[in-house]
Amino acid sequence: MSHIVEIQTEIRDAAAVREGCNRLGLQPPSEGTFKLFSKTVSGLGVQLRDWRYPVVCELNTGKVQYDNYQGRWGDPKRLDEFMQAYAVERAKLEARKQGHSVREQQLADGSIKVTVQVGGAA
């Protein structure tokens, strides 16, 4: 029985993955082929804190593959943190690319409020 889990969140931007890793204090992602428990996958690998196997992002499809054996090989909260960091960094990069300024605020519940000011440079 395989323990591979696939999620539908699309990760397609290598720069946002790098910034998300930096934000969380993780090692920079690396491009390559990675062994999960019962499968080998290729893409941009991210080693989450205290996870046995990396999270592998296939940028051309947006697919994310990992194996945490239902939390035994890695706390799902670490994946949630990475996905949040990716989303925030992706939004900031895109807004700035279009010439907008960006502010972010950490909220008490752990979420992050991102405010984009149209027309202002950051």
N, C-alpha and C. Protein backbone atom coordinates (compact mmCIF):
# COMPACT_ATOMS: atom_id res chain seq x y z
N MET A 1 0.85 -1.18 0.00
CA MET A 1 0.00 0.00 0.00
C MET A 1 0.90 1.24 0.00
N SER A 2 0.62 2.16 -0.89
CA SER A 2 1.41 3.38 -1.00
C SER A 2 0.96 4.42 0.01
N HIS A 3 1.91 5.24 0.42
CA HIS A 3 1.60 6.33 1.36
C HIS A 3 1.75 7.67 0.68
N ILE A 4 1.83 7.69 -0.62
CA ILE A 4 2.01 8.92 -1.37
C ILE A 4 0.71 9.72 -1.31
N VAL A 5 0.84 11.00 -1.02
CA VAL A 5 -0.32 11.88 -0.95
C VAL A 5 -0.14 12.97 -2.00
N GLU A 6 -1.19 13.27 -2.74
CA GLU A 6 -1.14 14.34 -3.72
C GLU A 6 -2.18 15.38 -3.33
N ILE A 7 -1.79 16.67 -3.43
CA ILE A 7 -2.73 17.74 -3.14
C ILE A 7 -2.89 18.59 -4.38
N GLN A 8 -3.97 19.33 -4.47
CA GLN A 8 -4.30 20.06 -5.68
C GLN A 8 -3.74 21.48 -5.74
N THR A 9 -3.19 21.98 -4.67
CA THR A 9 -2.60 23.31 -4.72
C THR A 9 -1.52 23.32 -5.78
N GLU A 10 -1.54 24.30 -6.65
CA GLU A 10 -0.56 24.36 -7.71
C GLU A 10 0.63 25.23 -7.32
N ILE A 11 1.80 24.65 -7.39
CA ILE A 11 3.04 25.38 -7.14
C ILE A 11 3.79 25.40 -8.46
N ARG A 12 3.89 26.59 -9.06
CA ARG A 12 4.47 26.73 -10.39
C ARG A 12 5.61 27.74 -10.48
N ASP A 13 5.92 28.42 -9.39
CA ASP A 13 6.90 29.50 -9.43
C ASP A 13 8.10 29.17 -8.55
N ALA A 14 9.24 28.88 -9.19
CA ALA A 14 10.46 28.50 -8.45
C ALA A 14 10.93 29.62 -7.54
N ALA A 15 10.81 30.87 -7.98
CA ALA A 15 11.26 32.00 -7.16
C ALA A 15 10.43 32.08 -5.88
N ALA A 16 9.14 31.87 -5.97
CA ALA A 16 8.28 31.90 -4.78
C ALA A 16 8.57 30.72 -3.86
N VAL A 17 8.93 29.57 -4.43
CA VAL A 17 9.32 28.42 -3.60
C VAL A 17 10.59 28.78 -2.83
N ARG A 18 11.58 29.36 -3.53
CA ARG A 18 12.82 29.76 -2.86
C ARG A 18 12.56 30.77 -1.75
N GLU A 19 11.73 31.77 -2.04
CA GLU A 19 11.41 32.78 -1.02
C GLU A 19 10.63 32.18 0.15
N GLY A 20 9.73 31.26 -0.15
CA GLY A 20 8.99 30.59 0.92
C GLY A 20 9.91 29.79 1.82
N CYS A 21 10.89 29.09 1.22
CA CYS A 21 11.87 28.34 2.02
C CYS A 21 12.70 29.29 2.87
N ASN A 22 13.14 30.39 2.27
CA ASN A 22 13.92 31.38 3.00
C ASN A 22 13.12 31.93 4.18
N ARG A 23 11.87 32.23 3.94
CA ARG A 23 10.98 32.78 4.97
C ARG A 23 10.88 31.84 6.17
N LEU A 24 10.86 30.53 5.91
CA LEU A 24 10.71 29.54 6.97
C LEU A 24 12.04 29.06 7.54
N GLY A 25 13.14 29.58 7.02
CA GLY A 25 14.45 29.16 7.50
C GLY A 25 14.85 27.77 7.04
N LEU A 26 14.30 27.35 5.90
CA LEU A 26 14.62 26.03 5.34
C LEU A 26 15.81 26.13 4.39
N GLN A 27 16.41 25.00 4.10
CA GLN A 27 17.45 24.96 3.09
C GLN A 27 16.84 25.35 1.75
N PRO A 28 17.62 25.95 0.85
CA PRO A 28 17.09 26.28 -0.47
C PRO A 28 16.60 25.02 -1.19
N PRO A 29 15.57 25.14 -2.00
CA PRO A 29 15.08 23.98 -2.74
C PRO A 29 16.12 23.56 -3.78
N SER A 30 16.04 22.31 -4.20
CA SER A 30 16.97 21.84 -5.23
C SER A 30 16.21 21.07 -6.29
N GLU A 31 16.64 21.23 -7.52
CA GLU A 31 16.04 20.55 -8.67
C GLU A 31 16.67 19.17 -8.76
N GLY A 32 15.84 18.15 -8.98
CA GLY A 32 16.41 16.81 -9.13
C GLY A 32 15.37 15.72 -9.07
N THR A 33 15.86 14.51 -8.83
CA THR A 33 15.02 13.33 -8.68
C THR A 33 15.12 12.90 -7.22
N PHE A 34 13.98 12.62 -6.61
CA PHE A 34 13.91 12.35 -5.18
C PHE A 34 13.17 11.05 -4.90
N LYS A 35 13.67 10.30 -3.95
CA LYS A 35 13.05 9.06 -3.54
C LYS A 35 12.07 9.34 -2.42
N LEU A 36 10.82 8.98 -2.65
CA LEU A 36 9.84 8.96 -1.58
C LEU A 36 9.80 7.51 -1.09
N PHE A 37 8.88 7.13 -0.26
CA PHE A 37 8.91 5.78 0.30
C PHE A 37 8.91 4.70 -0.78
N SER A 38 7.95 4.76 -1.68
CA SER A 38 7.80 3.69 -2.66
C SER A 38 7.86 4.18 -4.11
N LYS A 39 8.36 5.37 -4.31
CA LYS A 39 8.28 5.99 -5.62
C LYS A 39 9.40 7.01 -5.76
N THR A 40 9.85 7.22 -6.97
CA THR A 40 10.84 8.25 -7.26
C THR A 40 10.15 9.31 -8.12
N VAL A 41 10.33 10.57 -7.76
CA VAL A 41 9.71 11.67 -8.49
C VAL A 41 10.75 12.74 -8.79
N SER A 42 10.49 13.52 -9.83
CA SER A 42 11.40 14.60 -10.22
C SER A 42 10.72 15.94 -10.07
N GLY A 43 11.51 16.95 -9.75
CA GLY A 43 10.98 18.30 -9.63
C GLY A 43 11.86 19.13 -8.71
N LEU A 44 11.25 20.11 -8.10
CA LEU A 44 11.94 21.00 -7.18
C LEU A 44 11.67 20.48 -5.77
N GLY A 45 12.72 19.98 -5.11
CA GLY A 45 12.57 19.36 -3.81
C GLY A 45 12.76 20.35 -2.67
N VAL A 46 11.88 20.25 -1.68
CA VAL A 46 11.94 21.08 -0.48
C VAL A 46 11.97 20.14 0.72
N GLN A 47 12.98 20.30 1.55
CA GLN A 47 13.07 19.48 2.77
C GLN A 47 12.46 20.25 3.93
N LEU A 48 11.27 19.82 4.35
CA LEU A 48 10.61 20.46 5.48
C LEU A 48 11.25 20.00 6.78
N ARG A 49 11.17 20.82 7.77
CA ARG A 49 11.75 20.53 9.08
C ARG A 49 11.13 19.24 9.65
N ASP A 50 12.00 18.32 10.05
CA ASP A 50 11.61 17.05 10.69
C ASP A 50 10.80 16.12 9.80
N TRP A 51 10.91 16.27 8.50
CA TRP A 51 10.24 15.35 7.57
C TRP A 51 11.25 14.34 7.06
N ARG A 52 10.86 13.09 6.96
CA ARG A 52 11.75 12.04 6.47
C ARG A 52 12.03 12.20 4.98
N TYR A 53 11.01 12.52 4.21
CA TYR A 53 11.16 12.66 2.75
C TYR A 53 10.84 14.10 2.34
N PRO A 54 11.40 14.53 1.21
CA PRO A 54 11.12 15.90 0.78
C PRO A 54 9.72 16.04 0.17
N VAL A 55 9.29 17.27 0.08
CA VAL A 55 8.11 17.64 -0.71
C VAL A 55 8.66 17.97 -2.09
N VAL A 56 8.06 17.42 -3.13
CA VAL A 56 8.57 17.63 -4.49
C VAL A 56 7.51 18.36 -5.31
N CYS A 57 7.92 19.53 -5.83
CA CYS A 57 7.03 20.38 -6.62
C CYS A 57 7.34 20.20 -8.10
N GLU A 58 6.35 19.78 -8.86
CA GLU A 58 6.50 19.67 -10.30
C GLU A 58 5.97 20.97 -10.91
N LEU A 59 6.86 21.90 -11.19
CA LEU A 59 6.46 23.25 -11.58
C LEU A 59 5.68 23.29 -12.89
N ASN A 60 5.96 22.38 -13.81
CA ASN A 60 5.25 22.41 -15.09
C ASN A 60 3.79 21.97 -14.96
N THR A 61 3.47 21.16 -13.95
CA THR A 61 2.09 20.72 -13.75
C THR A 61 1.43 21.39 -12.54
N GLY A 62 2.25 21.94 -11.64
CA GLY A 62 1.73 22.53 -10.41
C GLY A 62 1.50 21.52 -9.31
N LYS A 63 1.75 20.24 -9.61
CA LYS A 63 1.49 19.16 -8.65
C LYS A 63 2.56 19.11 -7.57
N VAL A 64 2.14 18.77 -6.35
CA VAL A 64 3.03 18.61 -5.21
C VAL A 64 2.89 17.16 -4.73
N GLN A 65 4.04 16.49 -4.58
CA GLN A 65 4.02 15.10 -4.11
C GLN A 65 4.87 14.98 -2.85
N TYR A 66 4.42 14.15 -1.93
CA TYR A 66 5.14 13.92 -0.69
C TYR A 66 4.66 12.63 -0.07
N ASP A 67 5.41 12.17 0.91
CA ASP A 67 5.02 10.99 1.67
C ASP A 67 5.35 11.25 3.13
N ASN A 68 4.34 11.48 3.93
CA ASN A 68 4.58 11.68 5.37
C ASN A 68 3.92 10.58 6.20
N TYR A 69 3.45 9.53 5.55
CA TYR A 69 2.86 8.36 6.20
C TYR A 69 1.83 8.78 7.25
N GLN A 70 0.88 9.57 6.78
CA GLN A 70 -0.23 10.06 7.60
C GLN A 70 0.26 10.78 8.87
N GLY A 71 1.34 11.54 8.71
CA GLY A 71 1.86 12.33 9.81
C GLY A 71 2.96 11.66 10.61
N ARG A 72 3.20 10.37 10.38
CA ARG A 72 4.25 9.68 11.15
C ARG A 72 5.65 10.09 10.71
N TRP A 73 5.80 10.46 9.44
CA TRP A 73 7.11 10.83 8.89
C TRP A 73 7.25 12.33 8.69
N GLY A 74 6.29 13.09 9.15
CA GLY A 74 6.34 14.54 9.02
C GLY A 74 5.02 15.16 9.44
N ASP A 75 5.11 16.19 10.25
CA ASP A 75 3.93 16.88 10.76
C ASP A 75 3.26 17.66 9.62
N PRO A 76 1.98 17.37 9.35
CA PRO A 76 1.27 18.10 8.28
C PRO A 76 1.27 19.62 8.46
N LYS A 77 1.42 20.09 9.70
CA LYS A 77 1.47 21.54 9.94
C LYS A 77 2.65 22.18 9.22
N ARG A 78 3.74 21.42 9.08
CA ARG A 78 4.92 21.95 8.37
C ARG A 78 4.60 22.16 6.89
N LEU A 79 3.82 21.26 6.32
CA LEU A 79 3.41 21.43 4.92
C LEU A 79 2.47 22.63 4.80
N ASP A 80 1.55 22.78 5.74
CA ASP A 80 0.65 23.94 5.73
C ASP A 80 1.45 25.24 5.80
N GLU A 81 2.48 25.27 6.66
CA GLU A 81 3.32 26.47 6.77
C GLU A 81 4.01 26.77 5.44
N PHE A 82 4.52 25.72 4.80
CA PHE A 82 5.20 25.92 3.52
C PHE A 82 4.22 26.43 2.46
N MET A 83 3.04 25.84 2.40
CA MET A 83 2.05 26.26 1.39
C MET A 83 1.65 27.72 1.63
N GLN A 84 1.48 28.10 2.89
CA GLN A 84 1.15 29.49 3.22
C GLN A 84 2.29 30.42 2.81
N ALA A 85 3.52 30.04 3.14
CA ALA A 85 4.67 30.87 2.80
C ALA A 85 4.79 31.02 1.29
N TYR A 86 4.58 29.93 0.55
CA TYR A 86 4.62 29.99 -0.91
C TYR A 86 3.56 30.97 -1.43
N ALA A 87 2.34 30.84 -0.94
CA ALA A 87 1.25 31.69 -1.42
C ALA A 87 1.51 33.17 -1.14
N VAL A 88 2.01 33.47 0.04
CA VAL A 88 2.31 34.87 0.39
C VAL A 88 3.43 35.41 -0.51
N GLU A 89 4.49 34.63 -0.65
CA GLU A 89 5.62 35.09 -1.47
C GLU A 89 5.24 35.20 -2.94
N ARG A 90 4.41 34.31 -3.42
CA ARG A 90 3.96 34.36 -4.82
C ARG A 90 3.13 35.62 -5.05
N ALA A 91 2.24 35.93 -4.12
CA ALA A 91 1.41 37.13 -4.24
C ALA A 91 2.27 38.39 -4.22
N LYS A 92 3.25 38.43 -3.33
CA LYS A 92 4.13 39.60 -3.24
C LYS A 92 4.96 39.78 -4.51
N LEU A 93 5.52 38.69 -5.01
CA LEU A 93 6.33 38.77 -6.23
C LEU A 93 5.49 39.27 -7.41
N GLU A 94 4.29 38.74 -7.54
CA GLU A 94 3.43 39.13 -8.67
C GLU A 94 3.00 40.58 -8.55
N ALA A 95 2.64 41.00 -7.35
CA ALA A 95 2.21 42.40 -7.15
C ALA A 95 3.34 43.36 -7.46
N ARG A 96 4.53 43.05 -6.97
CA ARG A 96 5.68 43.93 -7.22
C ARG A 96 6.06 43.95 -8.69
N LYS A 97 5.93 42.82 -9.35
CA LYS A 97 6.22 42.75 -10.79
C LYS A 97 5.31 43.70 -11.57
N GLN A 98 4.10 43.90 -11.06
CA GLN A 98 3.15 44.79 -11.72
C GLN A 98 3.24 46.22 -11.19
N GLY A 99 4.25 46.51 -10.36
CA GLY A 99 4.48 47.86 -9.90
C GLY A 99 3.70 48.28 -8.66
N HIS A 100 3.13 47.32 -7.94
CA HIS A 100 2.35 47.64 -6.75
C HIS A 100 3.19 47.47 -5.49
N SER A 101 2.81 48.16 -4.43
CA SER A 101 3.48 47.95 -3.15
C SER A 101 2.69 46.92 -2.34
N VAL A 102 3.40 46.27 -1.43
CA VAL A 102 2.81 45.17 -0.67
C VAL A 102 3.16 45.32 0.80
N ARG A 103 2.16 45.09 1.64
CA ARG A 103 2.36 45.03 3.09
C ARG A 103 1.79 43.71 3.57
N GLU A 104 2.39 43.17 4.59
CA GLU A 104 1.81 41.96 5.18
C GLU A 104 1.75 42.11 6.68
N GLN A 105 0.78 41.40 7.26
CA GLN A 105 0.56 41.45 8.70
C GLN A 105 0.24 40.06 9.19
N GLN A 106 0.99 39.61 10.19
CA GLN A 106 0.71 38.31 10.82
C GLN A 106 -0.49 38.49 11.74
N LEU A 107 -1.49 37.65 11.59
CA LEU A 107 -2.69 37.74 12.42
C LEU A 107 -2.61 36.74 13.57
N ALA A 108 -3.40 36.98 14.60
CA ALA A 108 -3.35 36.17 15.83
C ALA A 108 -3.64 34.69 15.57
N ASP A 109 -4.44 34.39 14.57
CA ASP A 109 -4.79 32.99 14.29
C ASP A 109 -3.75 32.27 13.43
N GLY A 110 -2.63 32.96 13.12
CA GLY A 110 -1.58 32.35 12.32
C GLY A 110 -1.66 32.66 10.84
N SER A 111 -2.78 33.22 10.41
CA SER A 111 -2.90 33.59 9.01
C SER A 111 -2.12 34.88 8.75
N ILE A 112 -1.93 35.16 7.49
CA ILE A 112 -1.18 36.35 7.09
C ILE A 112 -2.05 37.19 6.18
N LYS A 113 -2.21 38.45 6.53
CA LYS A 113 -2.97 39.39 5.72
C LYS A 113 -1.98 40.10 4.79
N VAL A 114 -2.23 39.98 3.50
CA VAL A 114 -1.39 40.64 2.49
C VAL A 114 -2.22 41.77 1.88
N THR A 115 -1.69 42.97 1.94
CA THR A 115 -2.37 44.13 1.38
C THR A 115 -1.55 44.64 0.20
N VAL A 116 -2.21 44.76 -0.94
CA VAL A 116 -1.55 45.25 -2.15
C VAL A 116 -2.09 46.64 -2.45
N GLN A 117 -1.19 47.59 -2.55
CA GLN A 117 -1.59 48.94 -2.91
C GLN A 117 -1.30 49.14 -4.41
N VAL A 118 -2.35 49.28 -5.17
CA VAL A 118 -2.22 49.42 -6.61
C VAL A 118 -1.52 50.74 -6.94
N GLY A 119 -0.48 50.64 -7.75
CA GLY A 119 0.20 51.84 -8.21
C GLY A 119 1.41 52.25 -7.40
N GLY A 120 1.57 51.76 -6.19
CA GLY A 120 2.72 52.14 -5.36
C GLY A 120 3.85 51.14 -5.48
N ALA A 121 5.05 51.60 -5.52
CA ALA A 121 6.21 50.70 -5.60
C ALA A 121 6.73 50.41 -4.22
N ALA A 122 7.19 49.17 -4.02
CA ALA A 122 7.74 48.78 -2.71
C ALA A 122 9.22 48.53 -2.81
